[in-house]
Amino acid sequence: MPIFEYSCNDCGSQFDILHKGAENPDLIQCPDCKSRSASKKFSSFAASTGAGTLPAPGCESGSCETPSYGGGCAGGMCGLQ
């Protein structure tokens, strides 16, 4: 099951929940204020391919030297394995 990131619409708290993507949003509850008004945040993910431990070419500095229209290191995250 994936981990989803949420932001509470009432108190502004940020929290993560491990659940199925199709879970009823009315069941999501802020752990701080117990509100059921939360928004799912857009977040990145990391996956390990087992292909090795070296970063992608050109990403050693956190800048992949890719065109500005797509791709890239997602904020210098190329080295994540």
PDB file of N, CA and C in Angstrom:
ATOM      1  N   MET A   1       0.844  -1.183   0.000  1.00  0.00           N
ATOM      2  CA  MET A   1       0.000   0.000   0.000  1.00  0.00           C
ATOM      3  C   MET A   1       0.889   1.245   0.000  1.00  0.00           C
ATOM      4  N   PRO A   2       0.467   2.265  -0.732  1.00  0.00           N
ATOM      5  CA  PRO A   2       1.264   3.495  -0.781  1.00  0.00           C
ATOM      6  C   PRO A   2       1.024   4.402   0.423  1.00  0.00           C
ATOM      7  N   ILE A   3       1.959   5.301   0.639  1.00  0.00           N
ATOM      8  CA  ILE A   3       1.839   6.322   1.676  1.00  0.00           C
ATOM      9  C   ILE A   3       1.413   7.614   0.992  1.00  0.00           C
ATOM     10  N   PHE A   4       0.331   8.202   1.454  1.00  0.00           N
ATOM     11  CA  PHE A   4      -0.167   9.457   0.911  1.00  0.00           C
ATOM     12  C   PHE A   4       0.076  10.579   1.905  1.00  0.00           C
ATOM     13  N   GLU A   5       0.399  11.755   1.372  1.00  0.00           N
ATOM     14  CA  GLU A   5       0.624  12.932   2.207  1.00  0.00           C
ATOM     15  C   GLU A   5      -0.631  13.800   2.185  1.00  0.00           C
ATOM     16  N   TYR A   6      -0.991  14.321   3.354  1.00  0.00           N
ATOM     17  CA  TYR A   6      -2.173  15.162   3.490  1.00  0.00           C
ATOM     18  C   TYR A   6      -1.840  16.453   4.221  1.00  0.00           C
ATOM     19  N   SER A   7      -2.682  17.444   4.010  1.00  0.00           N
ATOM     20  CA  SER A   7      -2.615  18.700   4.734  1.00  0.00           C
ATOM     21  C   SER A   7      -4.005  18.968   5.307  1.00  0.00           C
ATOM     22  N   CYS A   8      -4.079  19.223   6.609  1.00  0.00           N
ATOM     23  CA  CYS A   8      -5.364  19.485   7.254  1.00  0.00           C
ATOM     24  C   CYS A   8      -5.859  20.873   6.844  1.00  0.00           C
ATOM     25  N   ASN A   9      -7.092  20.953   6.389  1.00  0.00           N
ATOM     26  CA  ASN A   9      -7.681  22.227   5.978  1.00  0.00           C
ATOM     27  C   ASN A   9      -8.057  23.106   7.167  1.00  0.00           C
ATOM     28  N   ASP A  10      -8.142  22.518   8.355  1.00  0.00           N
ATOM     29  CA  ASP A  10      -8.541  23.291   9.535  1.00  0.00           C
ATOM     30  C   ASP A  10      -7.345  23.821  10.338  1.00  0.00           C
ATOM     31  N   CYS A  11      -6.363  22.947  10.638  1.00  0.00           N
ATOM     32  CA  CYS A  11      -5.242  23.391  11.480  1.00  0.00           C
ATOM     33  C   CYS A  11      -3.931  23.532  10.707  1.00  0.00           C
ATOM     34  N   GLY A  12      -3.888  23.073   9.450  1.00  0.00           N
ATOM     35  CA  GLY A  12      -2.690  23.198   8.636  1.00  0.00           C
ATOM     36  C   GLY A  12      -1.644  22.125   8.870  1.00  0.00           C
ATOM     37  N   SER A  13      -1.927  21.165   9.713  1.00  0.00           N
ATOM     38  CA  SER A  13      -0.982  20.092  10.008  1.00  0.00           C
ATOM     39  C   SER A  13      -0.705  19.269   8.756  1.00  0.00           C
ATOM     40  N   GLN A  14       0.534  18.792   8.618  1.00  0.00           N
ATOM     41  CA  GLN A  14       0.933  17.919   7.511  1.00  0.00           C
ATOM     42  C   GLN A  14       1.088  16.514   8.092  1.00  0.00           C
ATOM     43  N   PHE A  15       0.514  15.503   7.413  1.00  0.00           N
ATOM     44  CA  PHE A  15       0.637  14.141   7.920  1.00  0.00           C
ATOM     45  C   PHE A  15       0.592  13.135   6.782  1.00  0.00           C
ATOM     46  N   ASP A  16       1.093  11.928   7.048  1.00  0.00           N
ATOM     47  CA  ASP A  16       1.138  10.837   6.083  1.00  0.00           C
ATOM     48  C   ASP A  16       0.226   9.724   6.554  1.00  0.00           C
ATOM     49  N   ILE A  17      -0.394   9.045   5.574  1.00  0.00           N
ATOM     50  CA  ILE A  17      -1.253   7.903   5.904  1.00  0.00           C
ATOM     51  C   ILE A  17      -0.966   6.794   4.900  1.00  0.00           C
ATOM     52  N   LEU A  18      -0.810   5.586   5.395  1.00  0.00           N
ATOM     53  CA  LEU A  18      -0.627   4.404   4.568  1.00  0.00           C
ATOM     54  C   LEU A  18      -2.002   3.803   4.311  1.00  0.00           C
ATOM     55  N   HIS A  19      -2.461   3.859   3.050  1.00  0.00           N
ATOM     56  CA  HIS A  19      -3.762   3.288   2.719  1.00  0.00           C
ATOM     57  C   HIS A  19      -3.893   3.079   1.222  1.00  0.00           C
ATOM     58  N   LYS A  20      -4.921   2.380   0.831  1.00  0.00           N
ATOM     59  CA  LYS A  20      -5.219   2.183  -0.584  1.00  0.00           C
ATOM     60  C   LYS A  20      -5.610   3.519  -1.199  1.00  0.00           C
ATOM     61  N   GLY A  21      -5.288   3.705  -2.472  1.00  0.00           N
ATOM     62  CA  GLY A  21      -5.604   4.958  -3.159  1.00  0.00           C
ATOM     63  C   GLY A  21      -7.093   5.210  -3.282  1.00  0.00           C
ATOM     64  N   ALA A  22      -7.897   4.156  -3.277  1.00  0.00           N
ATOM     65  CA  ALA A  22      -9.339   4.296  -3.445  1.00  0.00           C
ATOM     66  C   ALA A  22     -10.075   4.465  -2.121  1.00  0.00           C
ATOM     67  N   GLU A  23      -9.329   4.658  -1.046  1.00  0.00           N
ATOM     68  CA  GLU A  23      -9.955   4.816   0.274  1.00  0.00           C
ATOM     69  C   GLU A  23     -10.896   6.016   0.302  1.00  0.00           C
ATOM     70  N   ASN A  24     -12.003   5.893   1.000  1.00  0.00           N
ATOM     71  CA  ASN A  24     -12.978   6.973   1.129  1.00  0.00           C
ATOM     72  C   ASN A  24     -12.333   8.172   1.821  1.00  0.00           C
ATOM     73  N   PRO A  25     -12.292   9.348   1.157  1.00  0.00           N
ATOM     74  CA  PRO A  25     -11.646  10.520   1.763  1.00  0.00           C
ATOM     75  C   PRO A  25     -12.307  10.972   3.070  1.00  0.00           C
ATOM     76  N   ASP A  26     -13.560  10.606   3.294  1.00  0.00           N
ATOM     77  CA  ASP A  26     -14.244  10.972   4.537  1.00  0.00           C
ATOM     78  C   ASP A  26     -13.666  10.223   5.746  1.00  0.00           C
ATOM     79  N   LEU A  27     -12.888   9.171   5.505  1.00  0.00           N
ATOM     80  CA  LEU A  27     -12.304   8.406   6.601  1.00  0.00           C
ATOM     81  C   LEU A  27     -10.942   8.966   7.037  1.00  0.00           C
ATOM     82  N   ILE A  28     -10.379   9.903   6.272  1.00  0.00           N
ATOM     83  CA  ILE A  28      -9.082  10.502   6.607  1.00  0.00           C
ATOM     84  C   ILE A  28      -9.286  11.503   7.732  1.00  0.00           C
ATOM     85  N   GLN A  29      -8.509  11.346   8.804  1.00  0.00           N
ATOM     86  CA  GLN A  29      -8.665  12.207   9.976  1.00  0.00           C
ATOM     87  C   GLN A  29      -7.310  12.781  10.389  1.00  0.00           C
ATOM     88  N   CYS A  30      -7.275  14.091  10.629  1.00  0.00           N
ATOM     89  CA  CYS A  30      -6.052  14.757  11.079  1.00  0.00           C
ATOM     90  C   CYS A  30      -5.676  14.219  12.464  1.00  0.00           C
ATOM     91  N   PRO A  31      -4.421  13.788  12.638  1.00  0.00           N
ATOM     92  CA  PRO A  31      -4.016  13.260  13.941  1.00  0.00           C
ATOM     93  C   PRO A  31      -3.905  14.335  15.026  1.00  0.00           C
ATOM     94  N   ASP A  32      -3.799  15.619  14.632  1.00  0.00           N
ATOM     95  CA  ASP A  32      -3.666  16.691  15.615  1.00  0.00           C
ATOM     96  C   ASP A  32      -5.006  17.217  16.115  1.00  0.00           C
ATOM     97  N   CYS A  33      -5.868  17.629  15.159  1.00  0.00           N
ATOM     98  CA  CYS A  33      -7.131  18.264  15.579  1.00  0.00           C
ATOM     99  C   CYS A  33      -8.354  17.370  15.368  1.00  0.00           C
ATOM    100  N   LYS A  34      -8.148  16.182  14.806  1.00  0.00           N
ATOM    101  CA  LYS A  34      -9.212  15.184  14.566  1.00  0.00           C
ATOM    102  C   LYS A  34     -10.218  15.620  13.497  1.00  0.00           C
ATOM    103  N   SER A  35      -9.902  16.679  12.756  1.00  0.00           N
ATOM    104  CA  SER A  35     -10.777  17.134  11.680  1.00  0.00           C
ATOM    105  C   SER A  35     -10.794  16.100  10.555  1.00  0.00           C
ATOM    106  N   ARG A  36     -11.882  16.021   9.847  1.00  0.00           N
ATOM    107  CA  ARG A  36     -11.990  15.137   8.690  1.00  0.00           C
ATOM    108  C   ARG A  36     -11.912  15.937   7.390  1.00  0.00           C
ATOM    109  N   SER A  37     -11.405  17.157   7.475  1.00  0.00           N
ATOM    110  CA  SER A  37     -11.258  18.023   6.309  1.00  0.00           C
ATOM    111  C   SER A  37      -9.769  18.130   5.965  1.00  0.00           C
ATOM    112  N   ALA A  38      -9.317  17.255   5.066  1.00  0.00           N
ATOM    113  CA  ALA A  38      -7.911  17.243   4.677  1.00  0.00           C
ATOM    114  C   ALA A  38      -7.810  17.148   3.164  1.00  0.00           C
ATOM    115  N   SER A  39      -6.723  17.684   2.631  1.00  0.00           N
ATOM    116  CA  SER A  39      -6.471  17.638   1.197  1.00  0.00           C
ATOM    117  C   SER A  39      -5.255  16.772   0.928  1.00  0.00           C
ATOM    118  N   LYS A  40      -5.379  15.895  -0.066  1.00  0.00           N
ATOM    119  CA  LYS A  40      -4.247  15.073  -0.453  1.00  0.00           C
ATOM    120  C   LYS A  40      -3.248  15.958  -1.177  1.00  0.00           C
ATOM    121  N   LYS A  41      -1.976  15.850  -0.793  1.00  0.00           N
ATOM    122  CA  LYS A  41      -0.924  16.649  -1.408  1.00  0.00           C
ATOM    123  C   LYS A  41      -0.301  15.877  -2.564  1.00  0.00           C
ATOM    124  N   PHE A  42       0.134  16.609  -3.558  1.00  0.00           N
ATOM    125  CA  PHE A  42       0.880  15.999  -4.651  1.00  0.00           C
ATOM    126  C   PHE A  42       2.292  15.783  -4.159  1.00  0.00           C
ATOM    127  N   SER A  43       2.804  14.570  -4.261  1.00  0.00           N
ATOM    128  CA  SER A  43       4.150  14.305  -3.776  1.00  0.00           C
ATOM    129  C   SER A  43       4.880  13.380  -4.727  1.00  0.00           C
ATOM    130  N   SER A  44       6.194  13.410  -4.646  1.00  0.00           N
ATOM    131  CA  SER A  44       7.016  12.550  -5.488  1.00  0.00           C
ATOM    132  C   SER A  44       7.186  11.202  -4.805  1.00  0.00           C
ATOM    133  N   PHE A  45       7.793  10.294  -5.513  1.00  0.00           N
ATOM    134  CA  PHE A  45       8.053   8.983  -4.940  1.00  0.00           C
ATOM    135  C   PHE A  45       9.443   8.544  -5.355  1.00  0.00           C
ATOM    136  N   ALA A  46       9.956   7.573  -4.664  1.00  0.00           N
ATOM    137  CA  ALA A  46      11.261   6.999  -4.998  1.00  0.00           C
ATOM    138  C   ALA A  46      11.092   5.505  -5.175  1.00  0.00           C
ATOM    139  N   ALA A  47      11.826   4.955  -6.121  1.00  0.00           N
ATOM    140  CA  ALA A  47      11.770   3.517  -6.353  1.00  0.00           C
ATOM    141  C   ALA A  47      13.173   3.001  -6.559  1.00  0.00           C
ATOM    142  N   SER A  48      13.452   1.852  -6.034  1.00  0.00           N
ATOM    143  CA  SER A  48      14.755   1.238  -6.217  1.00  0.00           C
ATOM    144  C   SER A  48      14.658   0.199  -7.313  1.00  0.00           C
ATOM    145  N   THR A  49      15.565   0.280  -8.273  1.00  0.00           N
ATOM    146  CA  THR A  49      15.556  -0.677  -9.375  1.00  0.00           C
ATOM    147  C   THR A  49      16.546  -1.795  -9.156  1.00  0.00           C
ATOM    148  N   GLY A  50      17.443  -1.617  -8.192  1.00  0.00           N
ATOM    149  CA  GLY A  50      18.458  -2.618  -7.942  1.00  0.00           C
ATOM    150  C   GLY A  50      19.549  -2.608  -8.999  1.00  0.00           C
ATOM    151  N   ALA A  51      19.558  -1.585  -9.864  1.00  0.00           N
ATOM    152  CA  ALA A  51      20.502  -1.523 -10.970  1.00  0.00           C
ATOM    153  C   ALA A  51      21.874  -1.025 -10.553  1.00  0.00           C
ATOM    154  N   GLY A  52      22.042  -0.583  -9.334  1.00  0.00           N
ATOM    155  CA  GLY A  52      23.345  -0.091  -8.899  1.00  0.00           C
ATOM    156  C   GLY A  52      23.184   1.068  -7.947  1.00  0.00           C
ATOM    157  N   THR A  53      24.299   1.654  -7.568  1.00  0.00           N
ATOM    158  CA  THR A  53      24.240   2.734  -6.600  1.00  0.00           C
ATOM    159  C   THR A  53      24.727   4.053  -7.150  1.00  0.00           C
ATOM    160  N   LEU A  54      25.077   4.111  -8.432  1.00  0.00           N
ATOM    161  CA  LEU A  54      25.567   5.346  -9.007  1.00  0.00           C
ATOM    162  C   LEU A  54      24.407   6.234  -9.440  1.00  0.00           C
ATOM    163  N   PRO A  55      24.523   7.545  -9.254  1.00  0.00           N
ATOM    164  CA  PRO A  55      23.478   8.445  -9.731  1.00  0.00           C
ATOM    165  C   PRO A  55      23.461   8.486 -11.255  1.00  0.00           C
ATOM    166  N   ALA A  56      22.392   8.972 -11.809  1.00  0.00           N
ATOM    167  CA  ALA A  56      22.278   9.113 -13.254  1.00  0.00           C
ATOM    168  C   ALA A  56      23.364  10.045 -13.766  1.00  0.00           C
ATOM    169  N   PRO A  57      23.829   9.856 -14.999  1.00  0.00           N
ATOM    170  CA  PRO A  57      24.892  10.705 -15.538  1.00  0.00           C
ATOM    171  C   PRO A  57      24.544  12.184 -15.446  1.00  0.00           C
ATOM    172  N   GLY A  58      25.484  12.986 -14.983  1.00  0.00           N
ATOM    173  CA  GLY A  58      25.279  14.421 -14.881  1.00  0.00           C
ATOM    174  C   GLY A  58      24.552  14.860 -13.629  1.00  0.00           C
ATOM    175  N   CYS A  59      24.173  13.923 -12.760  1.00  0.00           N
ATOM    176  CA  CYS A  59      23.370  14.275 -11.590  1.00  0.00           C
ATOM    177  C   CYS A  59      24.180  14.357 -10.302  1.00  0.00           C
ATOM    178  N   GLU A  60      25.483  14.182 -10.387  1.00  0.00           N
ATOM    179  CA  GLU A  60      26.298  14.181  -9.178  1.00  0.00           C
ATOM    180  C   GLU A  60      26.118  15.453  -8.366  1.00  0.00           C
ATOM    181  N   SER A  61      25.922  16.583  -9.058  1.00  0.00           N
ATOM    182  CA  SER A  61      25.794  17.863  -8.369  1.00  0.00           C
ATOM    183  C   SER A  61      24.352  18.175  -8.001  1.00  0.00           C
ATOM    184  N   GLY A  62      23.412  17.309  -8.391  1.00  0.00           N
ATOM    185  CA  GLY A  62      21.994  17.587  -8.155  1.00  0.00           C
ATOM    186  C   GLY A  62      21.370  18.349  -9.297  1.00  0.00           C
ATOM    187  N   SER A  63      22.087  18.502 -10.397  1.00  0.00           N
ATOM    188  CA  SER A  63      21.566  19.161 -11.583  1.00  0.00           C
ATOM    189  C   SER A  63      21.784  18.231 -12.759  1.00  0.00           C
ATOM    190  N   CYS A  64      20.740  17.670 -13.286  1.00  0.00           N
ATOM    191  CA  CYS A  64      20.846  16.668 -14.342  1.00  0.00           C
ATOM    192  C   CYS A  64      21.152  17.240 -15.714  1.00  0.00           C
ATOM    193  N   GLU A  65      21.203  18.533 -15.832  1.00  0.00           N
ATOM    194  CA  GLU A  65      21.451  19.160 -17.120  1.00  0.00           C
ATOM    195  C   GLU A  65      20.422  18.718 -18.148  1.00  0.00           C
ATOM    196  N   THR A  66      19.164  18.633 -17.731  1.00  0.00           N
ATOM    197  CA  THR A  66      18.091  18.248 -18.635  1.00  0.00           C
ATOM    198  C   THR A  66      17.335  19.489 -19.061  1.00  0.00           C
ATOM    199  N   PRO A  67      16.611  19.413 -20.174  1.00  0.00           N
ATOM    200  CA  PRO A  67      15.832  20.570 -20.629  1.00  0.00           C
ATOM    201  C   PRO A  67      14.818  21.000 -19.581  1.00  0.00           C
ATOM    202  N   SER A  68      14.451  22.273 -19.593  1.00  0.00           N
ATOM    203  CA  SER A  68      13.536  22.811 -18.589  1.00  0.00           C
ATOM    204  C   SER A  68      12.101  22.352 -18.784  1.00  0.00           C
ATOM    205  N   TYR A  69      11.807  21.680 -19.901  1.00  0.00           N
ATOM    206  CA  TYR A  69      10.428  21.286 -20.162  1.00  0.00           C
ATOM    207  C   TYR A  69      10.053  19.930 -19.597  1.00  0.00           C
ATOM    208  N   GLY A  70      10.951  19.256 -18.933  1.00  0.00           N
ATOM    209  CA  GLY A  70      10.554  17.994 -18.315  1.00  0.00           C
ATOM    210  C   GLY A  70      11.738  17.171 -17.878  1.00  0.00           C
ATOM    211  N   GLY A  71      11.480  16.145 -17.098  1.00  0.00           N
ATOM    212  CA  GLY A  71      12.525  15.270 -16.604  1.00  0.00           C
ATOM    213  C   GLY A  71      13.332  15.950 -15.516  1.00  0.00           C
ATOM    214  N   GLY A  72      14.475  15.420 -15.228  1.00  0.00           N
ATOM    215  CA  GLY A  72      15.359  16.064 -14.280  1.00  0.00           C
ATOM    216  C   GLY A  72      15.422  15.369 -12.944  1.00  0.00           C
ATOM    217  N   CYS A  73      16.048  16.059 -12.024  1.00  0.00           N
ATOM    218  CA  CYS A  73      16.358  15.476 -10.719  1.00  0.00           C
ATOM    219  C   CYS A  73      15.275  15.678  -9.672  1.00  0.00           C
ATOM    220  N   ALA A  74      14.233  16.376  -9.950  1.00  0.00           N
ATOM    221  CA  ALA A  74      13.191  16.630  -8.951  1.00  0.00           C
ATOM    222  C   ALA A  74      13.799  17.248  -7.704  1.00  0.00           C
ATOM    223  N   GLY A  75      14.514  18.356  -7.879  1.00  0.00           N
ATOM    224  CA  GLY A  75      15.093  19.046  -6.730  1.00  0.00           C
ATOM    225  C   GLY A  75      16.362  18.403  -6.200  1.00  0.00           C
ATOM    226  N   GLY A  76      17.148  17.771  -7.082  1.00  0.00           N
ATOM    227  CA  GLY A  76      18.406  17.181  -6.650  1.00  0.00           C
ATOM    228  C   GLY A  76      18.261  15.812  -6.049  1.00  0.00           C
ATOM    229  N   MET A  77      17.207  15.088  -6.397  1.00  0.00           N
ATOM    230  CA  MET A  77      16.957  13.786  -5.793  1.00  0.00           C
ATOM    231  C   MET A  77      17.478  12.640  -6.654  1.00  0.00           C
ATOM    232  N   CYS A  78      18.353  12.901  -7.620  1.00  0.00           N
ATOM    233  CA  CYS A  78      18.856  11.862  -8.509  1.00  0.00           C
ATOM    234  C   CYS A  78      19.572  10.745  -7.758  1.00  0.00           C
ATOM    235  N   GLY A  79      20.256  11.088  -6.691  1.00  0.00           N
ATOM    236  CA  GLY A  79      21.052  10.094  -5.980  1.00  0.00           C
ATOM    237  C   GLY A  79      20.256   9.129  -5.136  1.00  0.00           C
ATOM    238  N   LEU A  80      18.964   9.319  -5.026  1.00  0.00           N
ATOM    239  CA  LEU A  80      18.158   8.396  -4.216  1.00  0.00           C
ATOM    240  C   LEU A  80      18.109   7.035  -4.887  1.00  0.00           C
ATOM    241  N   GLN A  81      18.325   6.021  -4.158  1.00  0.00           N
ATOM    242  CA  GLN A  81      18.312   4.666  -4.719  1.00  0.00           C
ATOM    243  C   GLN A  81      17.243   3.857  -4.069  1.00  0.00           C
TER     244      GLN A  81
END
